[in-house]
């Protein structure tokens, strides 16, 4: 037991039931016929040799990341992020409505920041930080403000509500800033059923990069306050910002929120990151004890960007098709990786091409990313990226406008 088995099609591992061996054999023989069609010798010895050859060829097309680390789904309660939004005064019914519309669990700091902004500006909490920091609460905060009840849009898509051009499915915008750079803050989740791993900041007009800004919104705003204080010299403005900072840090301390940009939990996540990707926030791919789950792309980030640039800047369609050859080769590698349950390879390539941003890659992204999310059991992210690619745009991001 355990020698010729795949544990339900997951590569070599303990036998689960007799049918798994049959499925494994069918998979290998199917790949064998595809690779060696018309060359196979009918004798047993040659058949065995050719099968071993095929396995070696497949292994050479992409290697699994060394270490075989386990990236098990974390329990949000373990890192102190219990979802206790009711303590902020937001009703249970409103919380449930919000989760129903977005299909995502919200962390307690989301509701506590709403409470904080209500105290600053009871009449319009969404604009409580506008005069001081140029920020507006958006996205799911619009539900707390009741904007979804008065919108003229009869079919708002909450997957696209304040979703900026480069926002991957893992990112959920909650605060909008400078419209010139399209600065925004949001939660980054590794899976749809988890609470966020951290808060990130992006500037869509400058690119796809996401900067980690602590594990809660109080930390993010405190970092922005400190940055703003270093930039201004007007005494009245400094006094106003320091007053806001005092109130913000006092509430964060009272609620036991960390004001560190990189917390212990975030550093622990970094050790589970399989690849940084173009946006820099990293992807955490579940990897089992035998190392199955992720294998590296055959190109570095730098070389992949050069390939993408050559495609986008190709002088003709003929030249563009030729420049696409390395991408097509990687797609073939991804197909083999998926057959061996290394789903992270297609996940990484799909995210990188999405982050590059060109419409020339949308067809390939549609081919790679939704499938990768479904294989990784992140079905909601598959729905989000499909909706985003269908209506990907730079402006008019407010689905509840009017």
Foldseek 3Di string as FASTA:
>chain_A
DQPQFQCQLQFGGDDPDPVRSVVSVVLLVVQLCVVQPPNQDPDPVSNVVSSVVSVVVLCVQFDFDPDLDFLDDDDQVVVPFDAPLVVLVQDPVLLVVLCVQQVAHETNLLSNLLSVLCVQPVVASQCSCCVQQQKGFFQSVCSVVVLLVVFPQPDFRSLLQLQAQQRALQWGFGMFGDLVQRKTKTFGCQFRHHYGLFIWIDRVNVFNATHQQGRHVLLNVLVSLVVVLVVDDDPVSNVVSVVVNVSSVVVCVVVVHDNDSADPSNVVVVVQFPDLAPRRSGHRWGGHNVSQAATEQPDDLVVVVVLVVQLVPPPDPVSNVVSCVVVVSSVVSCVSSVSNNNLVSLCRVLSNLSRVRDPVCLVVNLVRHCVSCVSRVRNVSSVSSVVCSVPRDRDPSHSRDD
